[in-house]
mmCIF file of all heavy atoms, coordinates in Angstrom:
data_MODEL
# 
_entry.id   MODEL 
# 
loop_
_atom_site.group_PDB 
_atom_site.id 
_atom_site.type_symbol 
_atom_site.label_atom_id 
_atom_site.label_alt_id 
_atom_site.label_comp_id 
_atom_site.label_asym_id 
_atom_site.label_entity_id 
_atom_site.label_seq_id 
_atom_site.pdbx_PDB_ins_code 
_atom_site.Cartn_x 
_atom_site.Cartn_y 
_atom_site.Cartn_z 
_atom_site.occupancy 
_atom_site.B_iso_or_equiv 
_atom_site.pdbx_formal_charge 
_atom_site.auth_seq_id 
_atom_site.auth_comp_id 
_atom_site.auth_asym_id 
_atom_site.auth_atom_id 
_atom_site.pdbx_PDB_model_num 
ATOM 1   N N   . GLY A 1 1  ? -9.281  -30.126 -18.833 1.00 0.00 ? 1  GLY A N   1 
ATOM 2   C CA  . GLY A 1 1  ? -8.980  -29.278 -19.984 1.00 0.00 ? 1  GLY A CA  1 
ATOM 3   C C   . GLY A 1 1  ? -9.052  -27.797 -19.675 1.00 0.00 ? 1  GLY A C   1 
ATOM 4   O O   . GLY A 1 1  ? -8.815  -26.968 -20.548 1.00 0.00 ? 1  GLY A O   1 
ATOM 5   N N   . LEU A 1 2  ? -9.392  -27.435 -18.432 1.00 0.00 ? 2  LEU A N   1 
ATOM 6   C CA  . LEU A 1 2  ? -9.479  -26.025 -18.050 1.00 0.00 ? 2  LEU A CA  1 
ATOM 7   C C   . LEU A 1 2  ? -8.088  -25.412 -17.950 1.00 0.00 ? 2  LEU A C   1 
ATOM 8   O O   . LEU A 1 2  ? -7.077  -26.107 -17.855 1.00 0.00 ? 2  LEU A O   1 
ATOM 9   C CB  . LEU A 1 2  ? -10.219 -25.888 -16.727 1.00 0.00 ? 2  LEU A CB  1 
ATOM 10  C CG  . LEU A 1 2  ? -11.707 -26.240 -16.772 1.00 0.00 ? 2  LEU A CG  1 
ATOM 11  C CD1 . LEU A 1 2  ? -12.259 -26.440 -15.366 1.00 0.00 ? 2  LEU A CD1 1 
ATOM 12  C CD2 . LEU A 1 2  ? -12.500 -25.171 -17.507 1.00 0.00 ? 2  LEU A CD2 1 
ATOM 13  N N   . ALA A 1 3  ? -8.042  -24.086 -17.981 1.00 0.00 ? 3  ALA A N   1 
ATOM 14  C CA  . ALA A 1 3  ? -6.769  -23.369 -17.977 1.00 0.00 ? 3  ALA A CA  1 
ATOM 15  C C   . ALA A 1 3  ? -6.211  -23.270 -16.567 1.00 0.00 ? 3  ALA A C   1 
ATOM 16  O O   . ALA A 1 3  ? -6.937  -22.958 -15.619 1.00 0.00 ? 3  ALA A O   1 
ATOM 17  C CB  . ALA A 1 3  ? -6.956  -21.972 -18.563 1.00 0.00 ? 3  ALA A CB  1 
ATOM 18  N N   . ARG A 1 4  ? -4.929  -23.490 -16.448 1.00 0.00 ? 4  ARG A N   1 
ATOM 19  C CA  . ARG A 1 4  ? -4.273  -23.279 -15.164 1.00 0.00 ? 4  ARG A CA  1 
ATOM 20  C C   . ARG A 1 4  ? -4.230  -21.790 -14.855 1.00 0.00 ? 4  ARG A C   1 
ATOM 21  O O   . ARG A 1 4  ? -4.178  -20.951 -15.760 1.00 0.00 ? 4  ARG A O   1 
ATOM 22  C CB  . ARG A 1 4  ? -2.863  -23.852 -15.189 1.00 0.00 ? 4  ARG A CB  1 
ATOM 23  C CG  . ARG A 1 4  ? -2.846  -25.355 -15.470 1.00 0.00 ? 4  ARG A CG  1 
ATOM 24  C CD  . ARG A 1 4  ? -1.455  -25.925 -15.342 1.00 0.00 ? 4  ARG A CD  1 
ATOM 25  N NE  . ARG A 1 4  ? -1.407  -27.321 -15.732 1.00 0.00 ? 4  ARG A NE  1 
ATOM 26  C CZ  . ARG A 1 4  ? -1.752  -28.346 -14.967 1.00 0.00 ? 4  ARG A CZ  1 
ATOM 27  N NH1 . ARG A 1 4  ? -2.186  -28.115 -13.733 1.00 0.00 ? 4  ARG A NH1 1 
ATOM 28  N NH2 . ARG A 1 4  ? -1.666  -29.588 -15.400 1.00 0.00 ? 4  ARG A NH2 1 
ATOM 29  N N   . ASP A 1 5  ? -4.255  -21.483 -13.577 1.00 0.00 ? 5  ASP A N   1 
ATOM 30  C CA  . ASP A 1 5  ? -4.181  -20.083 -13.165 1.00 0.00 ? 5  ASP A CA  1 
ATOM 31  C C   . ASP A 1 5  ? -2.854  -19.471 -13.582 1.00 0.00 ? 5  ASP A C   1 
ATOM 32  O O   . ASP A 1 5  ? -2.813  -18.366 -14.113 1.00 0.00 ? 5  ASP A O   1 
ATOM 33  C CB  . ASP A 1 5  ? -4.348  -19.979 -11.651 1.00 0.00 ? 5  ASP A CB  1 
ATOM 34  C CG  . ASP A 1 5  ? -4.243  -18.556 -11.154 1.00 0.00 ? 5  ASP A CG  1 
ATOM 35  O OD1 . ASP A 1 5  ? -5.037  -17.712 -11.606 1.00 0.00 ? 5  ASP A OD1 1 
ATOM 36  O OD2 . ASP A 1 5  ? -3.362  -18.284 -10.315 1.00 0.00 ? 5  ASP A OD2 1 
ATOM 37  N N   . ARG A 1 6  ? -1.760  -20.185 -13.328 1.00 0.00 ? 6  ARG A N   1 
ATOM 38  C CA  . ARG A 1 6  ? -0.440  -19.763 -13.778 1.00 0.00 ? 6  ARG A CA  1 
ATOM 39  C C   . ARG A 1 6  ? 0.441   -20.996 -13.934 1.00 0.00 ? 6  ARG A C   1 
ATOM 40  O O   . ARG A 1 6  ? 0.100   -22.080 -13.476 1.00 0.00 ? 6  ARG A O   1 
ATOM 41  C CB  . ARG A 1 6  ? 0.191   -18.744 -12.833 1.00 0.00 ? 6  ARG A CB  1 
ATOM 42  C CG  . ARG A 1 6  ? 0.527   -19.233 -11.441 1.00 0.00 ? 6  ARG A CG  1 
ATOM 43  C CD  . ARG A 1 6  ? 1.397   -18.221 -10.688 1.00 0.00 ? 6  ARG A CD  1 
ATOM 44  N NE  . ARG A 1 6  ? 0.761   -16.917 -10.550 1.00 0.00 ? 6  ARG A NE  1 
ATOM 45  C CZ  . ARG A 1 6  ? 1.379   -15.754 -10.811 1.00 0.00 ? 6  ARG A CZ  1 
ATOM 46  N NH1 . ARG A 1 6  ? 2.625   -15.748 -11.229 1.00 0.00 ? 6  ARG A NH1 1 
ATOM 47  N NH2 . ARG A 1 6  ? 0.749   -14.605 -10.628 1.00 0.00 ? 6  ARG A NH2 1 
ATOM 48  N N   . LEU A 1 7  ? 1.571   -20.791 -14.581 1.00 0.00 ? 7  LEU A N   1 
ATOM 49  C CA  . LEU A 1 7  ? 2.428   -21.908 -14.934 1.00 0.00 ? 7  LEU A CA  1 
ATOM 50  C C   . LEU A 1 7  ? 3.873   -21.447 -14.896 1.00 0.00 ? 7  LEU A C   1 
ATOM 51  O O   . LEU A 1 7  ? 4.204   -20.376 -15.416 1.00 0.00 ? 7  LEU A O   1 
ATOM 52  C CB  . LEU A 1 7  ? 2.064   -22.400 -16.340 1.00 0.00 ? 7  LEU A CB  1 
ATOM 53  C CG  . LEU A 1 7  ? 2.825   -23.579 -16.931 1.00 0.00 ? 7  LEU A CG  1 
ATOM 54  C CD1 . LEU A 1 7  ? 2.494   -24.862 -16.168 1.00 0.00 ? 7  LEU A CD1 1 
ATOM 55  C CD2 . LEU A 1 7  ? 2.440   -23.734 -18.408 1.00 0.00 ? 7  LEU A CD2 1 
ATOM 56  N N   . THR A 1 8  ? 4.727   -22.245 -14.259 1.00 0.00 ? 8  THR A N   1 
ATOM 57  C CA  . THR A 1 8  ? 6.165   -22.056 -14.328 1.00 0.00 ? 8  THR A CA  1 
ATOM 58  C C   . THR A 1 8  ? 6.748   -23.306 -14.970 1.00 0.00 ? 8  THR A C   1 
ATOM 59  O O   . THR A 1 8  ? 6.642   -24.404 -14.402 1.00 0.00 ? 8  THR A O   1 
ATOM 60  C CB  . THR A 1 8  ? 6.776   -21.861 -12.924 1.00 0.00 ? 8  THR A CB  1 
ATOM 61  O OG1 . THR A 1 8  ? 6.113   -20.790 -12.267 1.00 0.00 ? 8  THR A OG1 1 
ATOM 62  C CG2 . THR A 1 8  ? 8.261   -21.539 -13.027 1.00 0.00 ? 8  THR A CG2 1 
ATOM 63  N N   . ILE A 1 9  ? 7.302   -23.151 -16.167 1.00 0.00 ? 9  ILE A N   1 
ATOM 64  C CA  . ILE A 1 9  ? 7.822   -24.309 -16.886 1.00 0.00 ? 9  ILE A CA  1 
ATOM 65  C C   . ILE A 1 9  ? 8.913   -24.972 -16.048 1.00 0.00 ? 9  ILE A C   1 
ATOM 66  O O   . ILE A 1 9  ? 9.824   -24.325 -15.541 1.00 0.00 ? 9  ILE A O   1 
ATOM 67  C CB  . ILE A 1 9  ? 8.379   -23.897 -18.258 1.00 0.00 ? 9  ILE A CB  1 
ATOM 68  C CG1 . ILE A 1 9  ? 7.282   -23.230 -19.106 1.00 0.00 ? 9  ILE A CG1 1 
ATOM 69  C CG2 . ILE A 1 9  ? 8.951   -25.111 -18.996 1.00 0.00 ? 9  ILE A CG2 1 
ATOM 70  C CD1 . ILE A 1 9  ? 6.105   -24.108 -19.425 1.00 0.00 ? 9  ILE A CD1 1 
ATOM 71  N N   . GLY A 1 10 ? 8.812   -26.286 -15.902 1.00 0.00 ? 10 GLY A N   1 
ATOM 72  C CA  . GLY A 1 10 ? 9.808   -27.034 -15.143 1.00 0.00 ? 10 GLY A CA  1 
ATOM 73  C C   . GLY A 1 10 ? 9.450   -27.239 -13.693 1.00 0.00 ? 10 GLY A C   1 
ATOM 74  O O   . GLY A 1 10 ? 10.031  -28.099 -13.026 1.00 0.00 ? 10 GLY A O   1 
ATOM 75  N N   . ALA A 1 11 ? 8.505   -26.451 -13.182 1.00 0.00 ? 11 ALA A N   1 
ATOM 76  C CA  . ALA A 1 11 ? 8.067   -26.602 -11.795 1.00 0.00 ? 11 ALA A CA  1 
ATOM 77  C C   . ALA A 1 11 ? 6.859   -27.540 -11.737 1.00 0.00 ? 11 ALA A C   1 
ATOM 78  O O   . ALA A 1 11 ? 6.089   -27.628 -12.692 1.00 0.00 ? 11 ALA A O   1 
ATOM 79  C CB  . ALA A 1 11 ? 7.709   -25.247 -11.202 1.00 0.00 ? 11 ALA A CB  1 
ATOM 80  N N   . PRO A 1 12 ? 6.658   -28.241 -10.635 1.00 0.00 ? 12 PRO A N   1 
ATOM 81  C CA  . PRO A 1 12 ? 5.489   -29.124 -10.523 1.00 0.00 ? 12 PRO A CA  1 
ATOM 82  C C   . PRO A 1 12 ? 4.191   -28.332 -10.685 1.00 0.00 ? 12 PRO A C   1 
ATOM 83  O O   . PRO A 1 12 ? 4.036   -27.245 -10.126 1.00 0.00 ? 12 PRO A O   1 
ATOM 84  C CB  . PRO A 1 12 ? 5.611   -29.694 -9.106  1.00 0.00 ? 12 PRO A CB  1 
ATOM 85  C CG  . PRO A 1 12 ? 7.053   -29.515 -8.738  1.00 0.00 ? 12 PRO A CG  1 
ATOM 86  C CD  . PRO A 1 12 ? 7.508   -28.272 -9.424  1.00 0.00 ? 12 PRO A CD  1 
ATOM 87  N N   . ALA A 1 13 ? 3.268   -28.866 -11.460 1.00 0.00 ? 13 ALA A N   1 
ATOM 88  C CA  . ALA A 1 13 ? 1.974   -28.217 -11.667 1.00 0.00 ? 13 ALA A CA  1 
ATOM 89  C C   . ALA A 1 13 ? 0.974   -28.750 -10.656 1.00 0.00 ? 13 ALA A C   1 
ATOM 90  O O   . ALA A 1 13 ? 0.959   -29.942 -10.338 1.00 0.00 ? 13 ALA A O   1 
ATOM 91  C CB  . ALA A 1 13 ? 1.477   -28.471 -13.086 1.00 0.00 ? 13 ALA A CB  1 
ATOM 92  N N   . ASP A 1 14 ? 0.132   -27.847 -10.138 1.00 0.00 ? 14 ASP A N   1 
ATOM 93  C CA  . ASP A 1 14 ? -0.903  -28.279 -9.208  1.00 0.00 ? 14 ASP A CA  1 
ATOM 94  C C   . ASP A 1 14 ? -2.229  -28.416 -9.955  1.00 0.00 ? 14 ASP A C   1 
ATOM 95  O O   . ASP A 1 14 ? -2.281  -28.324 -11.186 1.00 0.00 ? 14 ASP A O   1 
ATOM 96  C CB  . ASP A 1 14 ? -1.017  -27.320 -8.021  1.00 0.00 ? 14 ASP A CB  1 
ATOM 97  C CG  . ASP A 1 14 ? -1.322  -25.885 -8.442  1.00 0.00 ? 14 ASP A CG  1 
ATOM 98  O OD1 . ASP A 1 14 ? -1.875  -25.683 -9.561  1.00 0.00 ? 14 ASP A OD1 1 
ATOM 99  O OD2 . ASP A 1 14 ? -1.019  -24.955 -7.671  1.00 0.00 ? 14 ASP A OD2 1 
ATOM 100 N N   . ASP A 1 15 ? -3.296  -28.636 -9.208  1.00 0.00 ? 15 ASP A N   1 
ATOM 101 C CA  . ASP A 1 15 ? -4.610  -28.866 -9.821  1.00 0.00 ? 15 ASP A CA  1 
ATOM 102 C C   . ASP A 1 15 ? -5.454  -27.594 -9.910  1.00 0.00 ? 15 ASP A C   1 
ATOM 103 O O   . ASP A 1 15 ? -6.623  -27.660 -10.303 1.00 0.00 ? 15 ASP A O   1 
ATOM 104 C CB  . ASP A 1 15 ? -5.388  -29.921 -9.023  1.00 0.00 ? 15 ASP A CB  1 
ATOM 105 C CG  . ASP A 1 15 ? -4.955  -31.341 -9.364  1.00 0.00 ? 15 ASP A CG  1 
ATOM 106 O OD1 . ASP A 1 15 ? -4.716  -31.607 -10.550 1.00 0.00 ? 15 ASP A OD1 1 
ATOM 107 O OD2 . ASP A 1 15 ? -4.856  -32.166 -8.433  1.00 0.00 ? 15 ASP A OD2 1 
ATOM 108 N N   . ARG A 1 16 ? -4.893  -26.453 -9.549  1.00 0.00 ? 16 ARG A N   1 
ATOM 109 C CA  . ARG A 1 16 ? -5.681  -25.222 -9.539  1.00 0.00 ? 16 ARG A CA  1 
ATOM 110 C C   . ARG A 1 16 ? -5.908  -24.700 -10.958 1.00 0.00 ? 16 ARG A C   1 
ATOM 111 O O   . ARG A 1 16 ? -4.969  -24.467 -11.697 1.00 0.00 ? 16 ARG A O   1 
ATOM 112 C CB  . ARG A 1 16 ? -4.980  -24.157 -8.697  1.00 0.00 ? 16 ARG A CB  1 
ATOM 113 C CG  . ARG A 1 16 ? -5.814  -22.896 -8.514  1.00 0.00 ? 16 ARG A CG  1 
ATOM 114 C CD  . ARG A 1 16 ? -5.125  -21.936 -7.564  1.00 0.00 ? 16 ARG A CD  1 
ATOM 115 N NE  . ARG A 1 16 ? -3.920  -21.349 -8.144  1.00 0.00 ? 16 ARG A NE  1 
ATOM 116 C CZ  . ARG A 1 16 ? -3.053  -20.621 -7.464  1.00 0.00 ? 16 ARG A CZ  1 
ATOM 117 N NH1 . ARG A 1 16 ? -3.230  -20.412 -6.168  1.00 0.00 ? 16 ARG A NH1 1 
ATOM 118 N NH2 . ARG A 1 16 ? -1.990  -20.125 -8.060  1.00 0.00 ? 16 ARG A NH2 1 
ATOM 119 N N   . VAL A 1 17 ? -7.179  -24.538 -11.310 1.00 0.00 ? 17 VAL A N   1 
ATOM 120 C CA  . VAL A 1 17 ? -7.535  -23.960 -12.612 1.00 0.00 ? 17 VAL A CA  1 
ATOM 121 C C   . VAL A 1 17 ? -8.348  -22.697 -12.377 1.00 0.00 ? 17 VAL A C   1 
ATOM 122 O O   . VAL A 1 17 ? -8.971  -22.511 -11.325 1.00 0.00 ? 17 VAL A O   1 
ATOM 123 C CB  . VAL A 1 17 ? -8.321  -24.961 -13.486 1.00 0.00 ? 17 VAL A CB  1 
ATOM 124 C CG1 . VAL A 1 17 ? -7.451  -26.150 -13.858 1.00 0.00 ? 17 VAL A CG1 1 
ATOM 125 C CG2 . VAL A 1 17 ? -9.589  -25.433 -12.785 1.00 0.00 ? 17 VAL A CG2 1 
ATOM 126 N N   . ALA A 1 18 ? -8.314  -21.814 -13.368 1.00 0.00 ? 18 ALA A N   1 
ATOM 127 C CA  . ALA A 1 18 ? -8.946  -20.501 -13.255 1.00 0.00 ? 18 ALA A CA  1 
ATOM 128 C C   . ALA A 1 18 ? -10.134 -20.427 -14.206 1.00 0.00 ? 18 ALA A C   1 
ATOM 129 O O   . ALA A 1 18 ? -9.996  -20.690 -15.403 1.00 0.00 ? 18 ALA A O   1 
ATOM 130 C CB  . ALA A 1 18 ? -7.942  -19.400 -13.571 1.00 0.00 ? 18 ALA A CB  1 
ATOM 131 N N   . ILE A 1 19 ? -11.285 -20.041 -13.673 1.00 0.00 ? 19 ILE A N   1 
ATOM 132 C CA  . ILE A 1 19 ? -12.519 -20.032 -14.461 1.00 0.00 ? 19 ILE A CA  1 
ATOM 133 C C   . ILE A 1 19 ? -12.487 -18.954 -15.554 1.00 0.00 ? 19 ILE A C   1 
ATOM 134 O O   . ILE A 1 19 ? -12.790 -19.216 -16.717 1.00 0.00 ? 19 ILE A O   1 
ATOM 135 C CB  . ILE A 1 19 ? -13.728 -19.851 -13.527 1.00 0.00 ? 19 ILE A CB  1 
ATOM 136 C CG1 . ILE A 1 19 ? -13.960 -21.133 -12.725 1.00 0.00 ? 19 ILE A CG1 1 
ATOM 137 C CG2 . ILE A 1 19 ? -14.985 -19.488 -14.315 1.00 0.00 ? 19 ILE A CG2 1 
ATOM 138 C CD1 . ILE A 1 19 ? -14.261 -22.355 -13.585 1.00 0.00 ? 19 ILE A CD1 1 
ATOM 139 N N   . GLY A 1 20 ? -12.119 -17.727 -15.206 1.00 0.00 ? 20 GLY A N   1 
ATOM 140 C CA  . GLY A 1 20 ? -12.090 -16.664 -16.211 1.00 0.00 ? 20 GLY A CA  1 
ATOM 141 C C   . GLY A 1 20 ? -11.082 -16.943 -17.300 1.00 0.00 ? 20 GLY A C   1 
ATOM 142 O O   . GLY A 1 20 ? -11.368 -16.780 -18.503 1.00 0.00 ? 20 GLY A O   1 
ATOM 143 N N   . ALA A 1 21 ? -9.881  -17.377 -16.927 1.00 0.00 ? 21 ALA A N   1 
ATOM 144 C CA  . ALA A 1 21 ? -8.852  -17.692 -17.918 1.00 0.00 ? 21 ALA A CA  1 
ATOM 145 C C   . ALA A 1 21 ? -9.285  -18.841 -18.819 1.00 0.00 ? 21 ALA A C   1 
ATOM 146 O O   . ALA A 1 21 ? -8.883  -18.913 -19.985 1.00 0.00 ? 21 ALA A O   1 
ATOM 147 C CB  . ALA A 1 21 ? -7.548  -18.029 -17.216 1.00 0.00 ? 21 ALA A CB  1 
ATOM 148 N N   . SER A 1 22 ? -10.113 -19.740 -18.300 1.00 0.00 ? 22 SER A N   1 
ATOM 149 C CA  . SER A 1 22 ? -10.595 -20.856 -19.120 1.00 0.00 ? 22 SER A CA  1 
ATOM 150 C C   . SER A 1 22 ? -11.529 -20.383 -20.229 1.00 0.00 ? 22 SER A C   1 
ATOM 151 O O   . SER A 1 22 ? -11.541 -20.949 -21.324 1.00 0.00 ? 22 SER A O   1 
ATOM 152 C CB  . SER A 1 22 ? -11.293 -21.890 -18.232 1.00 0.00 ? 22 SER A CB  1 
ATOM 153 O OG  . SER A 1 22 ? -10.370 -22.473 -17.324 1.00 0.00 ? 22 SER A OG  1 
ATOM 154 N N   . GLY A 1 23 ? -12.318 -19.345 -19.944 1.00 0.00 ? 23 GLY A N   1 
ATOM 155 C CA  . GLY A 1 23 ? -13.120 -18.758 -21.013 1.00 0.00 ? 23 GLY A CA  1 
ATOM 156 C C   . GLY A 1 23 ? -12.257 -18.145 -22.091 1.00 0.00 ? 23 GLY A C   1 
ATOM 157 O O   . GLY A 1 23 ? -12.519 -18.289 -23.296 1.00 0.00 ? 23 GLY A O   1 
ATOM 158 N N   . MET A 1 24 ? -11.192 -17.447 -21.667 1.00 0.00 ? 24 MET A N   1 
ATOM 159 C CA  . MET A 1 24 ? -10.266 -16.855 -22.636 1.00 0.00 ? 24 MET A CA  1 
ATOM 160 C C   . MET A 1 24 ? -9.523  -17.933 -23.401 1.00 0.00 ? 24 MET A C   1 
ATOM 161 O O   . MET A 1 24 ? -9.269  -17.801 -24.604 1.00 0.00 ? 24 MET A O   1 
ATOM 162 C CB  . MET A 1 24 ? -9.301  -15.932 -21.903 1.00 0.00 ? 24 MET A CB  1 
ATOM 163 C CG  . MET A 1 24 ? -9.994  -14.764 -21.213 1.00 0.00 ? 24 MET A CG  1 
ATOM 164 S SD  . MET A 1 24 ? -8.838  -13.752 -20.264 1.00 0.00 ? 24 MET A SD  1 
ATOM 165 C CE  . MET A 1 24 ? -9.993  -12.628 -19.434 1.00 0.00 ? 24 MET A CE  1 
# 
């Protein structure tokens, strides 16, 4: 449920999540 670091719609998503962005 954590926030992804960045996202490109339509592109494959990886497992990288960002701690600071998850707080936001």
